[in-house]
Amino acid sequence: MRIGEWLVCRGVVTRRQLYQALLVRQAHGWRLGDVVVVLGYASRALVEEEARTFALRHEDKTDHRRRIERIASVAAMLRTS
């Protein structure tokens, strides 16, 4: 899941607002959160809080995947020993 979808799922922005923000982001190269704030769709505090929550959840999944990959790697090494 990407941060834009996260913001929609959390009710911070609508799909239409996300689409408009993505167009502005693409045209100007700004960060999505900054665009959402500048367009007045959400406060900076709310966007930052949601970004932190998103990052924590995403980080947890990434760490879990890495642990699984390490376990699989060790298991493969043991099988070839």
C-alpha atoms as a PDB file:
ATOM      1  CA  MET A   1       0.000   0.000   0.000  1.00  0.00           C
ATOM      2  CA  ARG A   2       1.217   3.495  -0.807  1.00  0.00           C
ATOM      3  CA  ILE A   3       0.777   6.571   1.359  1.00  0.00           C
ATOM      4  CA  GLY A   4      -1.932   8.008  -0.915  1.00  0.00           C
ATOM      5  CA  GLU A   5      -4.072   4.898  -0.600  1.00  0.00           C
ATOM      6  CA  TRP A   6      -3.426   4.943   3.139  1.00  0.00           C
ATOM      7  CA  LEU A   7      -4.748   8.516   3.357  1.00  0.00           C
ATOM      8  CA  VAL A   8      -7.886   7.503   1.462  1.00  0.00           C
ATOM      9  CA  CYS A   9      -8.461   4.417   3.625  1.00  0.00           C
ATOM     10  CA  ARG A  10      -8.021   6.502   6.774  1.00  0.00           C
ATOM     11  CA  GLY A  11     -10.544   9.082   5.534  1.00  0.00           C
ATOM     12  CA  VAL A  12      -8.019  11.910   5.358  1.00  0.00           C
ATOM     13  CA  VAL A  13      -8.713  12.557   1.660  1.00  0.00           C
ATOM     14  CA  THR A  14     -11.204  11.305  -0.903  1.00  0.00           C
ATOM     15  CA  ARG A  15     -10.163   9.406  -4.007  1.00  0.00           C
ATOM     16  CA  ARG A  16     -10.866  12.505  -6.087  1.00  0.00           C
ATOM     17  CA  GLN A  17      -8.700  14.635  -3.793  1.00  0.00           C
ATOM     18  CA  LEU A  18      -5.922  12.047  -3.984  1.00  0.00           C
ATOM     19  CA  TYR A  19      -6.084  12.083  -7.783  1.00  0.00           C
ATOM     20  CA  GLN A  20      -5.899  15.890  -7.858  1.00  0.00           C
ATOM     21  CA  ALA A  21      -3.026  15.901  -5.361  1.00  0.00           C
ATOM     22  CA  LEU A  22      -1.127  13.341  -7.437  1.00  0.00           C
ATOM     23  CA  LEU A  23      -1.501  15.525 -10.527  1.00  0.00           C
ATOM     24  CA  VAL A  24      -0.068  18.515  -8.658  1.00  0.00           C
ATOM     25  CA  ARG A  25       2.692  16.349  -7.216  1.00  0.00           C
ATOM     26  CA  GLN A  26       3.631  15.116 -10.657  1.00  0.00           C
ATOM     27  CA  ALA A  27       3.614  18.602 -12.162  1.00  0.00           C
ATOM     28  CA  HIS A  28       5.660  20.256  -9.420  1.00  0.00           C
ATOM     29  CA  GLY A  29       7.653  17.423  -7.850  1.00  0.00           C
ATOM     30  CA  TRP A  30       6.413  18.162  -4.333  1.00  0.00           C
ATOM     31  CA  ARG A  31       5.874  15.525  -1.685  1.00  0.00           C
ATOM     32  CA  LEU A  32       2.315  14.223  -1.592  1.00  0.00           C
ATOM     33  CA  GLY A  33       1.784  15.261   2.019  1.00  0.00           C
ATOM     34  CA  ASP A  34       2.808  18.828   1.219  1.00  0.00           C
ATOM     35  CA  VAL A  35       0.382  18.935  -1.702  1.00  0.00           C
ATOM     36  CA  VAL A  36      -2.485  17.639   0.458  1.00  0.00           C
ATOM     37  CA  VAL A  37      -1.789  20.418   2.972  1.00  0.00           C
ATOM     38  CA  VAL A  38      -1.351  23.201   0.376  1.00  0.00           C
ATOM     39  CA  LEU A  39      -4.601  22.217  -1.339  1.00  0.00           C
ATOM     40  CA  GLY A  40      -6.333  22.433   2.037  1.00  0.00           C
ATOM     41  CA  TYR A  41      -7.460  18.816   2.157  1.00  0.00           C
ATOM     42  CA  ALA A  42      -5.946  18.185   5.602  1.00  0.00           C
ATOM     43  CA  SER A  43      -3.856  19.886   8.254  1.00  0.00           C
ATOM     44  CA  ARG A  44      -0.112  19.392   8.367  1.00  0.00           C
ATOM     45  CA  ALA A  45      -0.422  17.838  11.832  1.00  0.00           C
ATOM     46  CA  LEU A  46      -2.896  15.212  10.579  1.00  0.00           C
ATOM     47  CA  VAL A  47      -0.839  14.387   7.480  1.00  0.00           C
ATOM     48  CA  GLU A  48       2.334  14.050   9.556  1.00  0.00           C
ATOM     49  CA  GLU A  49       0.614  11.803  12.111  1.00  0.00           C
ATOM     50  CA  GLU A  50      -0.782   9.558   9.364  1.00  0.00           C
ATOM     51  CA  ALA A  51       2.630   9.445   7.657  1.00  0.00           C
ATOM     52  CA  ARG A  52       4.249   8.315  10.924  1.00  0.00           C
ATOM     53  CA  THR A  53       1.616   5.625  11.436  1.00  0.00           C
ATOM     54  CA  PHE A  54       1.977   4.486   7.824  1.00  0.00           C
ATOM     55  CA  ALA A  55       5.769   4.334   8.140  1.00  0.00           C
ATOM     56  CA  LEU A  56       5.588   2.285  11.336  1.00  0.00           C
ATOM     57  CA  ARG A  57       3.201  -0.235   9.811  1.00  0.00           C
ATOM     58  CA  HIS A  58       5.193  -0.444   6.602  1.00  0.00           C
ATOM     59  CA  GLU A  59       8.446  -0.829   8.516  1.00  0.00           C
ATOM     60  CA  ASP A  60       6.991  -3.694  10.562  1.00  0.00           C
ATOM     61  CA  LYS A  61       6.064  -5.601   7.397  1.00  0.00           C
ATOM     62  CA  THR A  62       9.478  -4.959   5.857  1.00  0.00           C
ATOM     63  CA  ASP A  63      11.242  -6.194   8.996  1.00  0.00           C
ATOM     64  CA  HIS A  64       9.019  -9.287   9.075  1.00  0.00           C
ATOM     65  CA  ARG A  65       9.860 -10.057   5.429  1.00  0.00           C
ATOM     66  CA  ARG A  66      13.571  -9.683   6.139  1.00  0.00           C
ATOM     67  CA  ARG A  67      13.346 -12.076   9.088  1.00  0.00           C
ATOM     68  CA  ILE A  68      11.570 -14.654   6.943  1.00  0.00           C
ATOM     69  CA  GLU A  69      14.221 -14.268   4.222  1.00  0.00           C
ATOM     70  CA  ARG A  70      17.022 -14.747   6.769  1.00  0.00           C
ATOM     71  CA  ILE A  71      15.349 -17.864   8.189  1.00  0.00           C
ATOM     72  CA  ALA A  72      14.910 -19.271   4.681  1.00  0.00           C
ATOM     73  CA  SER A  73      18.547 -18.510   3.903  1.00  0.00           C
ATOM     74  CA  VAL A  74      19.760 -20.287   7.042  1.00  0.00           C
ATOM     75  CA  ALA A  75      17.494 -23.241   6.327  1.00  0.00           C
ATOM     76  CA  ALA A  76      18.887 -23.486   2.783  1.00  0.00           C
ATOM     77  CA  MET A  77      22.449 -23.404   4.130  1.00  0.00           C
ATOM     78  CA  LEU A  78      21.650 -26.166   6.607  1.00  0.00           C
ATOM     79  CA  ARG A  79      20.149 -28.331   3.885  1.00  0.00           C
ATOM     80  CA  THR A  80      23.305 -28.057   1.765  1.00  0.00           C
ATOM     81  CA  SER A  81      25.636 -28.778   4.708  1.00  0.00           C
END
